[in-house]
Protein backbone atom coordinates (compact mmCIF):
# COMPACT_ATOMS: atom_id res chain seq x y z
CA MET A 1 -7.21 -1.08 21.99
CA ARG A 2 -8.89 -4.66 22.32
CA LYS A 3 -12.18 -3.72 20.48
CA SER A 4 -10.56 -1.79 17.88
CA PHE A 5 -8.99 -4.98 17.19
CA LYS A 6 -12.28 -6.39 17.80
CA GLN A 7 -13.79 -4.27 15.38
CA TYR A 8 -11.76 -3.87 12.62
CA GLY A 9 -11.06 -8.01 12.59
CA GLN A 10 -14.98 -8.60 12.05
CA THR A 11 -14.54 -5.62 9.72
CA LEU A 12 -10.99 -7.64 7.70
CA HIS A 13 -13.56 -10.78 7.79
CA LEU A 14 -16.32 -9.93 6.70
CA VAL A 15 -13.92 -7.83 3.37
CA GLY A 16 -11.85 -11.24 3.07
CA GLY A 17 -15.27 -13.31 2.72
CA ASN A 18 -16.23 -10.63 0.16
CA LEU A 19 -12.51 -10.94 -1.80
CA VAL A 20 -13.96 -15.12 -1.58
CA TYR A 21 -16.98 -14.28 -3.71
CA VAL A 22 -15.05 -11.94 -5.74
CA SER A 23 -11.95 -14.55 -7.38
CA ASN A 24 -15.33 -17.06 -7.42
CA MET A 25 -17.13 -14.57 -9.74
CA ILE A 26 -13.98 -12.91 -12.15
CA TYR A 27 -13.40 -16.80 -13.44
CA PRO A 28 -15.55 -17.99 -16.16
CA ILE A 29 -16.69 -21.05 -17.71
CA TYR A 30 -15.18 -22.25 -20.69
CA SER A 31 -17.12 -24.65 -23.18
CA ASN A 32 -15.04 -25.12 -26.95
CA GLY A 33 -12.62 -21.84 -26.10
CA ILE A 34 -15.16 -19.58 -25.62
CA ILE A 35 -17.38 -18.65 -22.42
CA SER A 36 -20.48 -20.51 -22.04
CA ASP A 37 -22.87 -17.67 -21.10
CA HIS A 38 -22.44 -14.40 -21.81
CA ASN A 39 -25.37 -12.58 -19.88
CA GLN A 40 -24.19 -14.79 -16.99
CA TYR A 41 -21.12 -13.92 -16.85
CA CYS A 42 -22.07 -10.00 -16.93
CA LEU A 43 -23.64 -10.17 -13.95
CA ASP A 44 -21.23 -11.80 -12.62
CA ILE A 45 -18.96 -9.12 -13.12
CA LYS A 46 -21.47 -5.95 -11.91
CA ASN A 47 -21.66 -8.23 -9.33
CA ALA A 48 -18.47 -8.18 -7.73
CA ILE A 49 -18.04 -4.37 -8.89
CA SER A 50 -20.82 -4.07 -6.54
CA VAL A 51 -19.13 -6.62 -3.36
CA SER A 52 -16.41 -4.87 -4.00
CA GLN A 53 -17.98 -1.03 -4.09
CA SER A 54 -19.54 -1.91 -0.90
CA SER A 55 -15.85 -3.90 0.80
CA LEU A 56 -14.05 -0.30 -0.05
CA GLN A 57 -16.99 1.50 1.76
CA SER A 58 -16.49 -0.23 4.75
CA LEU A 59 -12.11 0.18 4.49
CA GLU A 60 -12.99 3.55 4.94
CA THR A 61 -15.50 4.08 7.06
CA ILE A 62 -13.10 1.91 9.67
CA SER A 63 -10.48 3.59 11.87
CA PRO A 64 -7.85 1.17 12.21
CA PRO A 65 -5.68 0.28 15.17
CA TYR A 66 -3.11 2.81 15.14
CA ILE A 67 -0.28 0.26 14.77
CA LEU A 68 -2.01 -1.03 11.39
CA VAL A 69 -3.01 2.44 9.64
CA THR A 70 -0.06 1.62 6.84
CA GLU A 71 -1.39 -1.04 6.09
CA HIS A 72 -4.33 -0.97 6.31
CA GLU A 73 -3.62 2.63 3.01
CA LEU A 74 -2.12 -0.36 1.12
CA LEU A 75 -5.16 -2.59 1.32
CA ILE A 76 -7.62 0.60 0.76
CA LYS A 77 -5.28 1.48 -2.51
CA THR A 78 -5.91 -1.94 -3.56
CA PHE A 79 -9.71 -2.19 -3.23
CA HIS A 80 -8.82 0.44 -5.97
CA ASP A 81 -7.01 -1.29 -8.27
CA ILE A 82 -9.77 -4.69 -7.76
CA LEU A 83 -12.46 -2.24 -8.65
CA ASP A 84 -10.15 -0.45 -11.40
CA CYS A 85 -9.24 -3.94 -12.78
CA LEU A 86 -13.36 -5.36 -12.57
CA ASN A 87 -14.15 -1.98 -14.36
CA SER A 88 -11.47 -3.00 -16.67
CA LEU A 89 -12.90 -6.12 -17.40
CA ILE A 90 -17.21 -5.53 -17.66
CA SER A 91 -15.34 -2.63 -20.10
CA ARG A 92 -14.18 -5.53 -22.36
CA VAL A 93 -16.30 -8.53 -21.47
CA GLU A 94 -19.45 -6.09 -22.54
CA ASN A 95 -18.03 -5.15 -25.64
CA VAL A 96 -17.62 -8.20 -27.41
CA VAL A 97 -19.31 -10.53 -29.57
CA PRO A 98 -20.89 -12.72 -26.80
CA THR A 99 -20.00 -16.27 -29.11
CA GLU A 100 -16.64 -15.02 -29.54
CA LEU A 101 -15.31 -13.81 -26.36
CA LYS A 102 -12.67 -15.97 -25.79
CA GLU A 103 -10.48 -16.32 -22.82
CA ASN A 104 -7.58 -14.38 -24.59
CA ASP A 105 -9.77 -11.41 -24.11
CA ILE A 106 -10.00 -10.92 -21.14
CA LYS A 107 -6.05 -13.10 -20.10
CA GLU A 108 -4.42 -9.18 -19.54
CA GLU A 109 -7.18 -8.68 -16.67
CA ILE A 110 -7.13 -11.89 -15.53
CA SER A 111 -3.28 -11.44 -15.04
CA GLN A 112 -3.99 -8.31 -13.05
CA PHE A 113 -6.51 -9.79 -10.15
CA LEU A 114 -2.67 -12.76 -9.80
CA VAL A 115 -0.55 -9.25 -9.10
CA ILE A 116 -3.67 -7.73 -7.63
CA GLN A 117 -3.48 -10.99 -5.17
CA ASP A 118 0.01 -11.01 -4.62
CA SER A 119 -0.08 -7.58 -3.26
CA LEU A 120 -2.39 -8.82 -0.38
CA THR A 121 -1.37 -11.87 0.29
CA ASP A 122 1.45 -9.87 0.97
CA ILE A 123 -0.63 -7.28 3.20
CA THR A 124 -1.74 -9.65 5.24
CA MET A 125 1.66 -11.13 6.15
CA CYS A 126 2.08 -7.70 7.33
CA LEU A 127 -1.11 -7.56 9.27
CA ILE A 128 -1.02 -10.75 10.71
CA GLU A 129 2.70 -10.17 12.04
CA LYS A 130 1.76 -6.49 13.64
CA ILE A 131 -1.18 -7.70 15.09
CA ASN A 132 0.99 -10.95 16.37
CA SER A 133 4.02 -8.79 18.70
CA GLN A 134 0.97 -6.92 20.10
CA PRO A 135 0.88 -8.48 23.68
CA ARG A 136 -1.72 -10.24 25.20
CA GLY A 137 -3.46 -8.67 27.86
């Protein structure tokens, strides 16, 4: 069982690092209310999509410890939500004239990420509580 927790923890650590990367990519740099480098922002979002797909694949291929199955399934669902949001974001960004892409144009997608962030926080807290409740040995 300890090995199972260790492997699962390593996967969560990797996925968590990927989440930090994704969160750093979704917030563009603005200049006078317009995204300063449209091409770079598109590339950043595409990279975030790739990293999120990799994270999702990692979650889908690992078997969680039996006490964490519910939270694991919620993590998988949440990563699907992240990918849906990123795909919506890239679609919106690519379909706007680069010099006209403003903060309000992507406000809806960014606000969806905040909802997902709250969900991830709740899932993480449940995982921590369940892991901490296990006997050490």
